[in-house]
Amino acid sequence: MKLSCAHWCKIKEFIVNLKCPQCFSAKVKLCEEEKENNATCESCGCEFKFNPEMVPPLQ
């Protein structure tokens, strides 16, 4: 699946604004391998699922 430039921009914006759901720290590290809890907060150490939902553009 090839993503449009607009989709890539949304994904990059979402990742830049990613914050921990427990302590709201921006020190989040994404795991390089696919697993359920694929993000770890460097501040509090919690692991959580990061799943950016892509909404298709209105046409």
C-alpha atoms as a PDB file:
ATOM      1  CA  MET A   1       0.000   0.000   0.000  1.00  0.00           C
ATOM      2  CA  LYS A   2       1.441   3.343  -1.014  1.00  0.00           C
ATOM      3  CA  LEU A   3       0.631   6.277   1.242  1.00  0.00           C
ATOM      4  CA  SER A   4      -0.076   9.735  -0.048  1.00  0.00           C
ATOM      5  CA  CYS A   5       1.976  12.731   1.052  1.00  0.00           C
ATOM      6  CA  ALA A   6      -0.963  13.919   3.183  1.00  0.00           C
ATOM      7  CA  HIS A   7      -1.083  10.574   5.038  1.00  0.00           C
ATOM      8  CA  TRP A   8       2.686  10.670   5.694  1.00  0.00           C
ATOM      9  CA  CYS A   9       2.344  14.195   7.078  1.00  0.00           C
ATOM     10  CA  LYS A  10      -0.447  13.063   9.438  1.00  0.00           C
ATOM     11  CA  ILE A  11       1.624  10.089  10.628  1.00  0.00           C
ATOM     12  CA  LYS A  12       4.693  12.261  11.264  1.00  0.00           C
ATOM     13  CA  GLU A  13       2.599  14.847  13.108  1.00  0.00           C
ATOM     14  CA  PHE A  14       0.997  12.141  15.265  1.00  0.00           C
ATOM     15  CA  ILE A  15       4.360  10.601  16.184  1.00  0.00           C
ATOM     16  CA  VAL A  16       5.877  14.001  17.046  1.00  0.00           C
ATOM     17  CA  ASN A  17       2.938  14.712  19.375  1.00  0.00           C
ATOM     18  CA  LEU A  18       2.966  11.218  20.942  1.00  0.00           C
ATOM     19  CA  LYS A  19       2.739  11.351  24.743  1.00  0.00           C
ATOM     20  CA  CYS A  20       2.559   8.686  27.456  1.00  0.00           C
ATOM     21  CA  PRO A  21      -1.057   7.941  28.467  1.00  0.00           C
ATOM     22  CA  GLN A  22      -0.077   7.662  32.171  1.00  0.00           C
ATOM     23  CA  CYS A  23       2.326  10.519  32.890  1.00  0.00           C
ATOM     24  CA  PHE A  24       1.868  12.547  29.650  1.00  0.00           C
ATOM     25  CA  SER A  25       5.637  12.678  29.119  1.00  0.00           C
ATOM     26  CA  ALA A  26       6.865  13.157  25.550  1.00  0.00           C
ATOM     27  CA  LYS A  27       9.809  10.811  26.204  1.00  0.00           C
ATOM     28  CA  VAL A  28       8.275   7.852  24.361  1.00  0.00           C
ATOM     29  CA  LYS A  29      10.305   5.273  22.489  1.00  0.00           C
ATOM     30  CA  LEU A  30       8.688   3.154  19.769  1.00  0.00           C
ATOM     31  CA  CYS A  31       9.698  -0.493  19.472  1.00  0.00           C
ATOM     32  CA  GLU A  32      11.183  -1.519  16.122  1.00  0.00           C
ATOM     33  CA  GLU A  33       9.542  -4.954  16.150  1.00  0.00           C
ATOM     34  CA  GLU A  34       5.826  -5.652  15.911  1.00  0.00           C
ATOM     35  CA  LYS A  35       4.293  -6.576  19.266  1.00  0.00           C
ATOM     36  CA  GLU A  36       1.172  -5.630  21.231  1.00  0.00           C
ATOM     37  CA  ASN A  37       2.792  -3.061  23.552  1.00  0.00           C
ATOM     38  CA  ASN A  38       5.002  -1.361  21.000  1.00  0.00           C
ATOM     39  CA  ALA A  39       5.770   1.887  22.862  1.00  0.00           C
ATOM     40  CA  THR A  40       7.639   2.522  26.118  1.00  0.00           C
ATOM     41  CA  CYS A  41       7.733   5.695  28.202  1.00  0.00           C
ATOM     42  CA  GLU A  42      11.266   6.590  29.254  1.00  0.00           C
ATOM     43  CA  SER A  43       9.973   8.692  32.182  1.00  0.00           C
ATOM     44  CA  CYS A  44       7.675   6.249  34.019  1.00  0.00           C
ATOM     45  CA  GLY A  45       8.619   2.974  32.287  1.00  0.00           C
ATOM     46  CA  CYS A  46       5.098   1.946  31.298  1.00  0.00           C
ATOM     47  CA  GLU A  47       4.472   0.086  28.037  1.00  0.00           C
ATOM     48  CA  PHE A  48       1.419   0.751  25.914  1.00  0.00           C
ATOM     49  CA  LYS A  49      -0.057   0.082  22.511  1.00  0.00           C
ATOM     50  CA  PHE A  50       0.566   2.749  19.884  1.00  0.00           C
ATOM     51  CA  ASN A  51      -1.807   2.413  16.946  1.00  0.00           C
ATOM     52  CA  PRO A  52      -2.239   5.546  14.846  1.00  0.00           C
ATOM     53  CA  GLU A  53      -5.525   5.302  13.020  1.00  0.00           C
ATOM     54  CA  MET A  54      -5.448   6.584   9.496  1.00  0.00           C
ATOM     55  CA  VAL A  55      -8.656   8.161   8.318  1.00  0.00           C
ATOM     56  CA  PRO A  56      -9.011   8.320   4.540  1.00  0.00           C
ATOM     57  CA  PRO A  57      -9.408  11.850   3.183  1.00  0.00           C
ATOM     58  CA  LEU A  58     -12.864  13.030   2.182  1.00  0.00           C
ATOM     59  CA  GLN A  59     -13.351  13.117  -1.550  1.00  0.00           C
END
